N, C-alpha and C. Protein backbone atom coordinates (compact mmCIF):
# COMPACT_ATOMS: atom_id res chain seq x y z
N MET A 1 5.58 -13.48 -0.75
CA MET A 1 5.79 -12.30 -1.76
C MET A 1 5.94 -11.16 -0.74
N ALA A 2 6.76 -10.03 -0.98
CA ALA A 2 6.92 -8.96 -0.43
C ALA A 2 7.21 -7.62 -1.23
N VAL A 3 6.89 -6.53 -0.59
CA VAL A 3 7.46 -5.26 -1.13
C VAL A 3 8.38 -4.71 -0.29
N VAL A 4 9.51 -4.35 -0.69
CA VAL A 4 10.65 -3.91 0.12
C VAL A 4 10.81 -2.36 -0.40
N ASP A 5 10.92 -1.58 0.53
CA ASP A 5 11.18 0.05 0.15
C ASP A 5 12.57 0.29 -0.09
N HIS A 6 13.00 1.44 -0.33
CA HIS A 6 14.28 1.86 -0.73
C HIS A 6 15.17 1.81 0.46
N ASP A 7 14.54 1.68 1.78
CA ASP A 7 15.40 1.65 2.79
C ASP A 7 15.60 0.14 3.59
N TYR A 8 15.25 -0.74 2.66
CA TYR A 8 15.29 -2.15 2.74
C TYR A 8 14.41 -2.69 3.93
N CYS A 9 13.26 -1.95 4.11
CA CYS A 9 12.18 -2.21 4.96
C CYS A 9 11.08 -2.95 4.24
N PHE A 10 10.55 -4.11 4.92
CA PHE A 10 9.43 -4.73 4.20
C PHE A 10 8.16 -3.95 4.55
N ARG A 11 7.50 -3.45 3.40
CA ARG A 11 6.30 -2.70 3.72
C ARG A 11 5.05 -3.43 3.31
N TYR A 12 5.17 -4.69 2.64
CA TYR A 12 3.88 -5.56 2.52
C TYR A 12 4.54 -6.86 2.43
N VAL A 13 3.89 -7.76 3.09
CA VAL A 13 4.18 -9.19 3.12
C VAL A 13 3.07 -9.92 2.88
N ASN A 14 3.08 -10.89 2.06
CA ASN A 14 1.98 -11.86 1.77
C ASN A 14 2.45 -13.33 2.20
N VAL A 15 1.99 -13.76 3.27
CA VAL A 15 2.50 -15.09 3.81
C VAL A 15 1.36 -16.20 3.54
N GLY A 16 1.67 -17.26 3.21
CA GLY A 16 0.75 -18.30 3.24
C GLY A 16 0.33 -18.96 1.95
N ALA A 17 0.60 -18.49 0.84
CA ALA A 17 0.15 -18.85 -0.34
C ALA A 17 1.01 -20.17 -0.67
N ASN A 18 0.42 -21.17 -1.54
CA ASN A 18 0.97 -22.43 -1.86
C ASN A 18 2.09 -22.18 -2.57
N GLY A 19 3.36 -22.81 -2.36
CA GLY A 19 4.48 -22.67 -2.98
C GLY A 19 4.42 -22.99 -4.48
N ARG A 20 3.66 -23.61 -4.94
CA ARG A 20 3.64 -23.82 -6.29
C ARG A 20 3.00 -22.99 -7.25
N ASN A 21 2.21 -21.93 -6.47
CA ASN A 21 1.65 -20.88 -7.29
C ASN A 21 2.77 -19.79 -7.83
N SER A 22 2.42 -19.28 -8.85
CA SER A 22 3.23 -18.41 -9.62
C SER A 22 3.15 -17.01 -8.74
N ASP A 23 4.47 -16.33 -8.87
CA ASP A 23 4.58 -14.93 -8.27
C ASP A 23 3.56 -13.99 -8.78
N SER A 24 3.11 -13.97 -10.01
CA SER A 24 2.24 -13.30 -10.73
C SER A 24 0.72 -13.59 -9.86
N GLY A 25 0.50 -14.95 -9.88
CA GLY A 25 -0.69 -15.35 -9.34
C GLY A 25 -0.93 -14.83 -8.00
N ILE A 26 0.13 -15.09 -7.21
CA ILE A 26 -0.09 -14.68 -5.87
C ILE A 26 -0.40 -13.20 -5.57
N PHE A 27 0.42 -12.46 -6.49
CA PHE A 27 0.30 -10.96 -6.51
C PHE A 27 -1.18 -10.63 -6.93
N ARG A 28 -1.78 -11.32 -7.87
CA ARG A 28 -3.11 -10.91 -8.47
C ARG A 28 -4.10 -11.19 -7.35
N ASN A 29 -3.94 -12.25 -6.49
CA ASN A 29 -4.86 -12.47 -5.47
C ASN A 29 -4.55 -11.82 -4.12
N SER A 30 -3.74 -10.95 -4.16
CA SER A 30 -3.15 -10.08 -2.82
C SER A 30 -4.10 -8.88 -2.59
N ALA A 31 -4.08 -8.40 -1.32
CA ALA A 31 -4.76 -7.25 -0.88
C ALA A 31 -4.13 -6.06 -1.70
N ILE A 32 -2.72 -5.94 -1.71
CA ILE A 32 -2.13 -4.73 -2.25
C ILE A 32 -2.42 -4.80 -3.83
N TYR A 33 -2.67 -5.81 -4.50
CA TYR A 33 -3.13 -5.70 -5.98
C TYR A 33 -4.27 -5.22 -6.00
N ARG A 34 -5.39 -5.38 -5.13
CA ARG A 34 -6.81 -4.88 -5.10
C ARG A 34 -6.74 -3.41 -4.91
N ASP A 35 -5.86 -3.03 -3.90
CA ASP A 35 -5.78 -1.41 -3.60
C ASP A 35 -5.15 -0.90 -4.81
N LEU A 36 -4.07 -1.47 -5.31
CA LEU A 36 -3.38 -0.60 -6.27
C LEU A 36 -4.23 -0.55 -7.51
N GLU A 37 -5.02 -1.52 -7.92
CA GLU A 37 -5.92 -1.52 -9.06
C GLU A 37 -7.06 -0.69 -8.81
N ASN A 38 -7.62 -0.41 -7.36
CA ASN A 38 -8.60 0.55 -7.20
C ASN A 38 -8.14 1.88 -6.75
N ASN A 39 -6.88 2.25 -7.06
CA ASN A 39 -6.22 3.51 -6.65
C ASN A 39 -6.41 4.02 -5.17
N ILE A 40 -6.49 2.95 -4.26
CA ILE A 40 -6.53 3.24 -2.85
C ILE A 40 -5.35 3.57 -2.17
N LEU A 41 -4.15 3.11 -2.74
CA LEU A 41 -3.08 3.47 -2.14
C LEU A 41 -2.24 4.70 -2.69
N PRO A 42 -1.29 5.28 -1.89
CA PRO A 42 -0.77 6.60 -2.37
C PRO A 42 -0.02 6.43 -3.80
N THR A 43 -0.11 7.32 -4.63
CA THR A 43 0.81 7.30 -5.77
C THR A 43 1.95 8.10 -5.70
N GLY A 44 2.73 8.08 -6.85
CA GLY A 44 3.92 8.94 -6.76
C GLY A 44 5.23 7.90 -6.96
N GLY A 45 5.12 6.76 -7.09
CA GLY A 45 6.11 5.82 -7.11
C GLY A 45 5.62 4.57 -8.01
N PHE A 46 6.34 3.70 -7.82
CA PHE A 46 6.07 2.30 -8.53
C PHE A 46 6.79 1.19 -7.99
N LEU A 47 6.32 0.04 -8.31
CA LEU A 47 6.69 -1.34 -7.90
C LEU A 47 7.72 -1.76 -9.14
N VAL A 48 8.67 -2.46 -8.81
CA VAL A 48 9.67 -2.95 -9.79
C VAL A 48 9.52 -4.44 -9.85
N GLY A 49 9.20 -5.16 -10.89
CA GLY A 49 9.03 -6.50 -10.94
C GLY A 49 9.80 -7.16 -12.20
N ASP A 50 9.87 -8.48 -12.25
CA ASP A 50 10.36 -9.26 -13.21
C ASP A 50 9.38 -9.44 -14.33
N ASP A 51 9.54 -10.10 -15.32
CA ASP A 51 8.96 -10.54 -16.50
C ASP A 51 7.65 -11.48 -16.08
N ALA A 52 7.60 -11.91 -14.79
CA ALA A 52 6.50 -12.78 -14.42
C ALA A 52 5.24 -11.92 -14.20
N PHE A 53 5.31 -10.59 -14.02
CA PHE A 53 4.23 -9.70 -13.58
C PHE A 53 3.92 -8.99 -14.98
N ALA A 54 2.56 -8.35 -14.86
CA ALA A 54 1.95 -7.67 -15.94
C ALA A 54 2.51 -6.17 -15.74
N LEU A 55 2.81 -5.63 -16.77
CA LEU A 55 3.25 -4.32 -16.84
C LEU A 55 2.02 -3.44 -16.33
N LYS A 56 2.02 -2.45 -15.42
CA LYS A 56 1.02 -1.75 -14.87
C LYS A 56 1.59 -0.33 -14.80
N THR A 57 0.67 0.66 -14.68
CA THR A 57 1.13 2.05 -14.34
C THR A 57 1.97 2.16 -13.05
N TYR A 58 1.69 1.26 -12.19
CA TYR A 58 2.26 1.30 -10.85
C TYR A 58 3.28 -0.01 -10.66
N LEU A 59 3.59 -0.73 -11.64
CA LEU A 59 4.61 -1.87 -11.81
C LEU A 59 5.34 -1.85 -13.13
N LEU A 60 6.75 -1.44 -12.88
CA LEU A 60 7.47 -1.51 -14.32
C LEU A 60 8.23 -2.89 -14.16
N LYS A 61 8.24 -3.31 -15.49
CA LYS A 61 8.98 -4.69 -15.68
C LYS A 61 9.84 -4.43 -16.92
N PRO A 62 10.86 -5.41 -17.11
CA PRO A 62 11.65 -5.18 -18.48
C PRO A 62 10.92 -5.52 -19.77
N TYR A 63 11.36 -4.80 -20.84
CA TYR A 63 10.94 -5.10 -22.00
C TYR A 63 11.16 -6.62 -22.41
N SER A 64 10.49 -7.32 -23.08
CA SER A 64 10.72 -8.62 -23.27
C SER A 64 11.13 -8.73 -25.00
N GLY A 65 11.85 -9.76 -25.46
CA GLY A 65 12.02 -10.14 -26.79
C GLY A 65 13.72 -9.72 -27.10
N THR A 66 13.91 -10.07 -28.32
CA THR A 66 15.30 -10.08 -28.49
C THR A 66 15.71 -9.01 -29.39
N ASN A 67 14.87 -8.38 -30.23
CA ASN A 67 15.04 -7.18 -31.16
C ASN A 67 14.67 -5.94 -30.37
N LEU A 68 15.57 -5.60 -29.42
CA LEU A 68 15.15 -4.33 -28.61
C LEU A 68 15.93 -3.29 -29.29
N THR A 69 15.39 -1.97 -28.90
CA THR A 69 16.11 -0.81 -29.32
C THR A 69 17.25 -0.35 -28.24
N ARG A 70 18.02 0.44 -28.53
CA ARG A 70 19.09 0.75 -27.64
C ARG A 70 18.46 1.31 -26.31
N VAL A 71 17.48 2.04 -26.59
CA VAL A 71 16.79 2.70 -25.27
C VAL A 71 16.19 1.44 -24.67
N GLN A 72 15.55 0.63 -24.99
CA GLN A 72 14.81 -0.35 -24.48
C GLN A 72 15.95 -1.49 -23.55
N THR A 73 17.07 -1.56 -24.36
CA THR A 73 18.23 -2.50 -23.75
C THR A 73 18.73 -1.70 -22.59
N LEU A 74 18.90 -0.37 -22.54
CA LEU A 74 19.51 0.35 -21.51
C LEU A 74 18.43 0.36 -20.33
N PHE A 75 17.10 0.29 -20.59
CA PHE A 75 16.19 0.27 -19.50
C PHE A 75 16.32 -1.17 -18.88
N ASN A 76 16.40 -2.14 -19.64
CA ASN A 76 16.55 -3.50 -19.23
C ASN A 76 17.67 -3.67 -18.40
N TYR A 77 18.77 -3.01 -18.66
CA TYR A 77 19.99 -2.86 -17.92
C TYR A 77 19.87 -2.24 -16.58
N ARG A 78 19.12 -1.14 -16.58
CA ARG A 78 18.94 -0.34 -15.25
C ARG A 78 17.98 -0.94 -14.24
N LEU A 79 16.84 -1.31 -15.02
CA LEU A 79 15.80 -1.70 -14.01
C LEU A 79 16.08 -2.93 -13.01
N PRO A 80 16.80 -3.79 -13.34
CA PRO A 80 17.32 -4.99 -12.38
C PRO A 80 18.15 -4.43 -11.31
N ARG A 81 18.65 -3.22 -11.63
CA ARG A 81 19.55 -2.62 -10.51
C ARG A 81 18.55 -2.11 -9.29
N ALA A 82 17.34 -1.73 -9.60
CA ALA A 82 16.43 -1.17 -8.71
C ALA A 82 15.89 -2.57 -8.02
N ARG A 83 15.99 -3.68 -8.68
CA ARG A 83 15.25 -4.87 -8.08
C ARG A 83 16.22 -5.50 -6.95
N ARG A 84 17.70 -5.04 -7.21
CA ARG A 84 18.55 -5.46 -6.05
C ARG A 84 18.06 -5.12 -4.75
N ILE A 85 17.21 -4.13 -4.50
CA ILE A 85 16.62 -3.75 -3.23
C ILE A 85 16.02 -4.86 -2.49
N ILE A 86 15.09 -5.53 -3.27
CA ILE A 86 14.24 -6.51 -2.64
C ILE A 86 15.23 -7.76 -2.46
N GLU A 87 16.04 -8.10 -3.54
CA GLU A 87 16.98 -9.08 -3.15
C GLU A 87 17.78 -8.91 -1.92
N ASN A 88 18.42 -7.81 -1.76
CA ASN A 88 19.16 -7.54 -0.65
C ASN A 88 18.28 -7.65 0.74
N GLY A 89 16.98 -7.04 0.59
CA GLY A 89 16.18 -7.16 1.78
C GLY A 89 15.98 -8.67 2.21
N PHE A 90 15.60 -9.61 1.13
CA PHE A 90 15.54 -10.99 1.57
C PHE A 90 16.73 -11.57 2.06
N GLY A 91 17.87 -11.19 1.36
CA GLY A 91 19.34 -11.83 1.89
C GLY A 91 19.58 -11.37 3.16
N ILE A 92 19.28 -10.23 3.58
CA ILE A 92 19.61 -9.67 5.14
C ILE A 92 18.70 -10.55 5.88
N LEU A 93 17.44 -10.56 5.63
CA LEU A 93 16.60 -11.38 6.50
C LEU A 93 16.98 -12.75 6.81
N THR A 94 17.27 -13.39 5.57
CA THR A 94 17.82 -14.82 5.52
C THR A 94 19.08 -15.06 6.36
N SER A 95 19.88 -14.16 6.17
CA SER A 95 21.22 -14.34 6.83
C SER A 95 21.17 -13.87 8.34
N SER A 96 20.15 -13.06 8.83
CA SER A 96 20.05 -12.77 10.15
C SER A 96 19.41 -13.46 10.84
N PHE A 97 18.15 -14.01 10.29
CA PHE A 97 17.39 -15.11 10.94
C PHE A 97 17.57 -16.45 10.40
N ARG A 98 18.47 -17.04 10.93
CA ARG A 98 18.89 -18.26 10.41
C ARG A 98 17.86 -19.58 10.13
N ILE A 99 16.76 -19.17 10.66
CA ILE A 99 15.54 -20.09 10.69
C ILE A 99 15.12 -20.30 9.19
N PHE A 100 15.35 -19.38 8.25
CA PHE A 100 15.08 -19.27 6.83
C PHE A 100 16.30 -20.00 6.04
N GLN A 101 17.36 -20.76 6.56
CA GLN A 101 18.16 -21.16 5.91
C GLN A 101 17.89 -22.75 5.72
N LYS A 102 16.87 -23.26 6.34
CA LYS A 102 16.35 -24.59 5.87
C LYS A 102 14.91 -24.59 6.20
N PRO A 103 14.26 -25.79 5.82
CA PRO A 103 12.86 -25.85 6.03
C PRO A 103 12.59 -25.44 7.48
N ILE A 104 11.29 -24.64 7.79
CA ILE A 104 10.94 -24.40 9.03
C ILE A 104 10.26 -25.49 9.71
N PRO A 105 10.64 -26.12 10.79
CA PRO A 105 10.28 -27.26 11.37
C PRO A 105 8.70 -27.12 12.26
N THR A 106 7.82 -26.42 11.52
CA THR A 106 6.44 -26.13 12.32
C THR A 106 5.49 -26.43 11.15
N ASP A 107 4.08 -26.33 11.87
CA ASP A 107 2.95 -26.39 10.93
C ASP A 107 2.87 -25.10 10.26
N VAL A 108 1.81 -25.07 9.41
CA VAL A 108 1.68 -23.76 8.62
C VAL A 108 1.49 -22.41 9.30
N ASN A 109 0.51 -22.56 10.25
CA ASN A 109 0.23 -21.31 11.01
C ASN A 109 1.12 -20.77 11.85
N PRO A 110 2.05 -21.49 12.61
CA PRO A 110 3.12 -20.86 13.24
C PRO A 110 4.26 -20.35 12.33
N THR A 111 4.20 -21.11 11.22
CA THR A 111 5.32 -20.65 10.18
C THR A 111 5.04 -19.11 9.70
N ASP A 112 3.72 -19.09 9.19
CA ASP A 112 3.34 -17.67 8.95
C ASP A 112 3.63 -16.59 9.92
N LYS A 113 3.36 -17.02 11.23
CA LYS A 113 3.62 -15.84 12.22
C LYS A 113 5.28 -15.85 12.40
N ILE A 114 6.03 -16.66 12.32
CA ILE A 114 7.36 -16.64 12.20
C ILE A 114 7.81 -15.72 11.08
N ILE A 115 7.42 -16.02 9.89
CA ILE A 115 7.76 -15.08 8.92
C ILE A 115 7.34 -13.54 9.19
N ARG A 116 6.30 -13.12 9.60
CA ARG A 116 5.78 -12.01 9.94
C ARG A 116 6.37 -11.36 10.85
N ALA A 117 6.64 -12.16 11.97
CA ALA A 117 7.39 -11.40 13.11
C ALA A 117 8.95 -11.30 12.72
N SER A 118 9.35 -12.22 11.92
CA SER A 118 10.85 -11.94 11.45
C SER A 118 11.02 -10.63 10.53
N CYS A 119 9.96 -10.53 9.68
CA CYS A 119 10.04 -9.16 8.86
C CYS A 119 9.81 -7.92 9.75
N ALA A 120 8.83 -8.13 10.89
CA ALA A 120 8.72 -6.90 11.66
C ALA A 120 10.02 -6.59 12.37
N LEU A 121 10.45 -7.61 12.86
CA LEU A 121 11.93 -7.52 13.73
C LEU A 121 13.03 -6.97 12.84
N HIS A 122 13.12 -7.47 11.46
CA HIS A 122 13.96 -6.82 10.55
C HIS A 122 13.62 -5.47 10.57
N ASN A 123 12.54 -4.87 10.21
CA ASN A 123 12.22 -3.39 10.05
C ASN A 123 12.64 -2.60 11.32
N TRP A 124 12.25 -3.25 12.48
CA TRP A 124 12.58 -2.43 13.57
C TRP A 124 14.16 -2.35 13.79
N LEU A 125 14.77 -3.41 13.61
CA LEU A 125 16.38 -3.42 13.68
C LEU A 125 17.06 -2.48 12.76
N ARG A 126 16.55 -2.71 11.55
CA ARG A 126 16.85 -1.60 10.46
C ARG A 126 16.80 -0.21 10.82
N LEU A 127 15.71 0.09 11.47
CA LEU A 127 15.47 1.51 11.63
C LEU A 127 16.09 2.08 13.02
N THR A 128 15.94 1.14 13.72
CA THR A 128 16.59 1.59 15.24
C THR A 128 18.03 1.08 15.74
N SER A 129 18.72 0.32 14.90
CA SER A 129 20.12 -0.06 15.18
C SER A 129 20.64 -0.30 13.84
N PRO A 130 20.74 0.69 12.99
CA PRO A 130 21.45 0.45 11.60
C PRO A 130 22.67 0.18 11.59
N SER A 131 23.45 0.65 12.53
CA SER A 131 25.00 0.35 12.47
C SER A 131 25.17 -1.13 12.99
N CYS A 132 24.47 -1.61 13.99
CA CYS A 132 24.84 -3.04 14.27
C CYS A 132 24.13 -3.85 13.38
N TYR A 133 22.76 -3.75 13.11
CA TYR A 133 22.18 -4.86 12.25
C TYR A 133 22.50 -4.52 10.76
N PHE A 134 22.61 -3.35 10.44
CA PHE A 134 22.84 -2.99 8.79
C PHE A 134 24.24 -2.31 8.76
N PRO A 135 25.27 -3.01 8.69
CA PRO A 135 26.41 -2.44 8.90
C PRO A 135 26.62 -1.92 7.12
N LYS A 136 27.45 -0.94 6.95
CA LYS A 136 27.53 -0.32 5.58
C LYS A 136 27.82 -1.36 4.45
N ASP A 137 28.50 -2.52 4.64
CA ASP A 137 28.98 -3.39 3.46
C ASP A 137 27.94 -4.25 3.38
N CYS A 138 26.86 -4.43 4.21
CA CYS A 138 26.05 -5.64 4.26
C CYS A 138 25.19 -5.72 2.91
N VAL A 139 24.85 -4.79 2.07
CA VAL A 139 23.93 -4.68 0.92
C VAL A 139 24.91 -4.44 -0.14
N ASP A 140 24.24 -4.96 -1.55
CA ASP A 140 25.15 -4.66 -2.62
C ASP A 140 25.12 -3.11 -2.94
N VAL A 141 26.43 -2.59 -3.40
CA VAL A 141 26.50 -1.26 -3.68
C VAL A 141 27.14 -1.19 -5.17
N GLU A 142 26.81 0.00 -5.84
CA GLU A 142 27.30 0.07 -7.14
C GLU A 142 28.16 1.23 -7.21
N ASN A 143 29.25 1.01 -7.86
CA ASN A 143 30.16 2.09 -8.30
C ASN A 143 29.63 2.94 -9.24
N ILE A 144 29.23 4.11 -8.96
CA ILE A 144 28.49 4.91 -9.93
C ILE A 144 29.53 5.28 -11.11
N ASP A 145 30.75 5.23 -10.98
CA ASP A 145 31.75 5.83 -12.20
C ASP A 145 31.99 4.59 -13.01
N SER A 146 31.93 3.46 -12.61
CA SER A 146 32.28 2.14 -13.27
C SER A 146 31.09 1.21 -13.58
N GLY A 147 29.92 1.51 -12.89
CA GLY A 147 29.01 0.55 -12.97
C GLY A 147 29.06 -0.85 -12.52
N THR A 148 30.06 -1.16 -11.73
CA THR A 148 30.25 -2.48 -11.18
C THR A 148 29.39 -2.54 -9.82
N ILE A 149 29.05 -3.80 -9.49
CA ILE A 149 28.45 -4.06 -8.40
C ILE A 149 29.44 -4.79 -7.39
N VAL A 150 29.40 -4.17 -6.07
CA VAL A 150 30.02 -4.89 -5.16
C VAL A 150 29.06 -5.58 -4.23
N GLU A 151 29.28 -6.96 -4.14
CA GLU A 151 28.20 -7.69 -3.44
C GLU A 151 28.37 -7.45 -2.01
N GLY A 152 27.04 -7.60 -1.32
CA GLY A 152 26.90 -7.22 0.19
C GLY A 152 27.53 -8.43 0.85
N THR A 153 27.85 -8.33 2.22
CA THR A 153 28.45 -9.32 3.00
C THR A 153 27.37 -10.33 3.13
N TRP A 154 26.15 -10.19 3.09
CA TRP A 154 25.03 -11.15 3.47
C TRP A 154 25.37 -12.28 2.45
N ARG A 155 25.72 -12.00 1.35
CA ARG A 155 25.99 -13.13 0.27
C ARG A 155 26.91 -14.19 0.50
N ARG A 156 27.91 -13.51 1.30
CA ARG A 156 29.01 -14.39 1.72
C ARG A 156 28.61 -15.21 2.91
N GLU A 157 27.82 -14.62 3.59
CA GLU A 157 27.45 -15.41 4.90
C GLU A 157 26.37 -16.57 4.59
N LEU A 158 25.76 -16.36 3.53
CA LEU A 158 24.82 -17.54 3.26
C LEU A 158 25.65 -18.65 2.74
N ARG A 159 25.34 -19.96 3.14
CA ARG A 159 26.02 -21.03 2.50
C ARG A 159 25.43 -21.29 1.16
N ALA A 160 24.15 -21.30 1.00
CA ALA A 160 23.54 -21.50 -0.22
C ALA A 160 23.11 -20.23 -0.78
N THR A 161 22.98 -20.08 -2.09
CA THR A 161 22.32 -18.80 -2.79
C THR A 161 20.83 -18.87 -2.59
N LEU A 162 20.30 -17.61 -2.58
CA LEU A 162 18.77 -17.64 -2.77
C LEU A 162 18.44 -18.17 -4.17
N PRO A 163 17.28 -18.80 -4.13
CA PRO A 163 16.66 -19.12 -5.43
C PRO A 163 16.46 -17.89 -6.51
N SER A 164 16.60 -18.16 -7.83
CA SER A 164 16.27 -17.13 -8.70
C SER A 164 14.77 -16.74 -8.73
N ILE A 165 14.68 -15.30 -8.95
CA ILE A 165 13.34 -14.66 -8.94
C ILE A 165 12.91 -14.44 -10.36
N THR A 166 13.51 -15.09 -11.28
CA THR A 166 13.40 -14.80 -12.64
C THR A 166 12.33 -15.82 -13.20
N ASP A 167 11.30 -15.41 -13.98
CA ASP A 167 10.33 -16.14 -14.53
C ASP A 167 10.16 -15.60 -15.96
N GLN A 168 9.95 -16.36 -16.95
CA GLN A 168 9.81 -15.95 -18.17
C GLN A 168 8.45 -15.69 -18.75
N THR A 169 7.51 -15.80 -17.93
CA THR A 169 6.21 -15.52 -18.38
C THR A 169 5.90 -14.23 -18.73
N THR A 170 4.84 -14.03 -19.85
CA THR A 170 4.55 -12.63 -20.27
C THR A 170 3.20 -12.39 -20.07
N ASN A 171 2.89 -11.16 -19.99
CA ASN A 171 1.46 -10.70 -19.73
C ASN A 171 1.08 -9.64 -20.59
N ASN A 172 -0.08 -9.56 -20.97
CA ASN A 172 -0.51 -8.30 -21.62
C ASN A 172 -0.74 -7.14 -20.95
N SER A 173 -0.38 -5.89 -21.30
CA SER A 173 -0.24 -4.81 -20.71
C SER A 173 -1.13 -3.67 -21.11
N PRO A 174 -1.57 -2.70 -20.35
CA PRO A 174 -2.52 -1.65 -21.06
C PRO A 174 -1.39 -0.79 -21.79
N GLN A 175 -1.94 -0.01 -22.69
CA GLN A 175 -0.98 1.03 -23.42
C GLN A 175 -0.52 2.13 -22.41
N ILE A 176 -1.29 2.53 -21.55
CA ILE A 176 -0.71 3.57 -20.66
C ILE A 176 0.46 3.04 -19.79
N ALA A 177 0.35 1.91 -19.53
CA ALA A 177 1.66 1.27 -18.75
C ALA A 177 2.69 1.20 -19.71
N ARG A 178 2.51 0.73 -20.90
CA ARG A 178 3.67 0.61 -21.93
C ARG A 178 4.39 1.94 -22.03
N ASN A 179 3.41 3.09 -22.20
CA ASN A 179 3.83 4.47 -22.43
C ASN A 179 4.70 4.87 -21.28
N LEU A 180 4.30 4.58 -20.11
CA LEU A 180 4.93 4.98 -18.87
C LEU A 180 6.43 4.19 -18.84
N ARG A 181 6.36 3.15 -19.13
CA ARG A 181 7.82 2.42 -19.16
C ARG A 181 8.62 3.03 -20.34
N ASP A 182 8.11 3.48 -21.41
CA ASP A 182 8.86 3.87 -22.41
C ASP A 182 9.51 5.34 -22.02
N LYS A 183 8.62 6.13 -21.15
CA LYS A 183 9.00 7.40 -20.54
C LYS A 183 10.30 7.21 -19.85
N TYR A 184 10.39 6.21 -18.84
CA TYR A 184 11.35 6.01 -18.10
C TYR A 184 12.60 5.36 -18.85
N ALA A 185 12.31 4.50 -20.05
CA ALA A 185 13.36 4.06 -20.75
C ALA A 185 14.07 5.23 -21.42
N GLU A 186 13.35 6.16 -21.91
CA GLU A 186 13.73 7.52 -22.43
C GLU A 186 14.85 8.36 -21.57
N TYR A 187 14.16 8.37 -20.28
CA TYR A 187 14.81 9.24 -19.21
C TYR A 187 16.25 8.47 -18.99
N PHE A 188 16.35 7.23 -18.81
CA PHE A 188 17.53 6.51 -18.65
C PHE A 188 18.70 6.55 -19.84
N SER A 189 18.16 6.80 -20.79
CA SER A 189 19.06 6.87 -22.03
C SER A 189 19.36 8.36 -22.32
N GLY A 190 18.68 9.34 -21.62
CA GLY A 190 18.90 10.67 -21.75
C GLY A 190 19.31 11.45 -20.60
N ALA A 191 18.34 12.14 -19.88
CA ALA A 191 18.84 13.01 -18.80
C ALA A 191 19.35 12.22 -17.52
N GLY A 192 18.71 10.91 -17.48
CA GLY A 192 19.09 9.95 -16.35
C GLY A 192 20.41 8.98 -16.76
N ALA A 193 21.16 9.28 -17.91
CA ALA A 193 21.99 8.54 -18.32
C ALA A 193 23.20 8.47 -17.46
N VAL A 194 24.04 7.41 -17.21
CA VAL A 194 25.27 7.55 -16.72
C VAL A 194 26.26 7.14 -17.57
N VAL A 195 27.80 7.44 -17.35
CA VAL A 195 28.74 7.35 -18.23
C VAL A 195 28.90 5.89 -18.59
N TRP A 196 28.83 5.15 -17.66
CA TRP A 196 29.55 3.53 -17.86
C TRP A 196 28.29 2.70 -18.39
N GLN A 197 27.02 3.28 -18.92
CA GLN A 197 26.03 2.52 -19.29
C GLN A 197 26.34 2.26 -20.78
N ALA A 198 27.03 2.72 -21.54
CA ALA A 198 27.26 2.86 -22.93
C ALA A 198 26.80 1.50 -23.56
């Protein structure tokens, strides 16, 4: 499990959990979860997750259900666009470090180190050699006028697609977190609206 920032850098990496564990279970047992719950980390932003995660004031996820309002539907349309950042981060890492394109042939401890080192090297290359390591067309981009997505070159470089990060699990959420999500949903359908989202 990882957190990727707006600049496609890995800011938190949790390695070593059993593969059969759910994303939300891994998150609930992580150090970043404890720090977020105890207000230890700086505020001013939020994480973007899928339906597997519990809605929190620091973690936004889509609305669930089928009878959604127009505002909720627009929010669910816009939020996954922000989640493309993490998908692109993992895609670039996987296409750049080919060891991730098949099972890693080592024991668990060296594998954990390989993953952490690869994430650190990715960040270093991203920040110090952006034109070589991170050419302009390597990540998905959105045409702001039409709303269409142009896929990044990393997708074409990988022979197999990455597994889906979607999970249909639902979680109960505090009212303050639901109010925050509603506030962003209203923004996306009002002042933050774009012409193509009709």
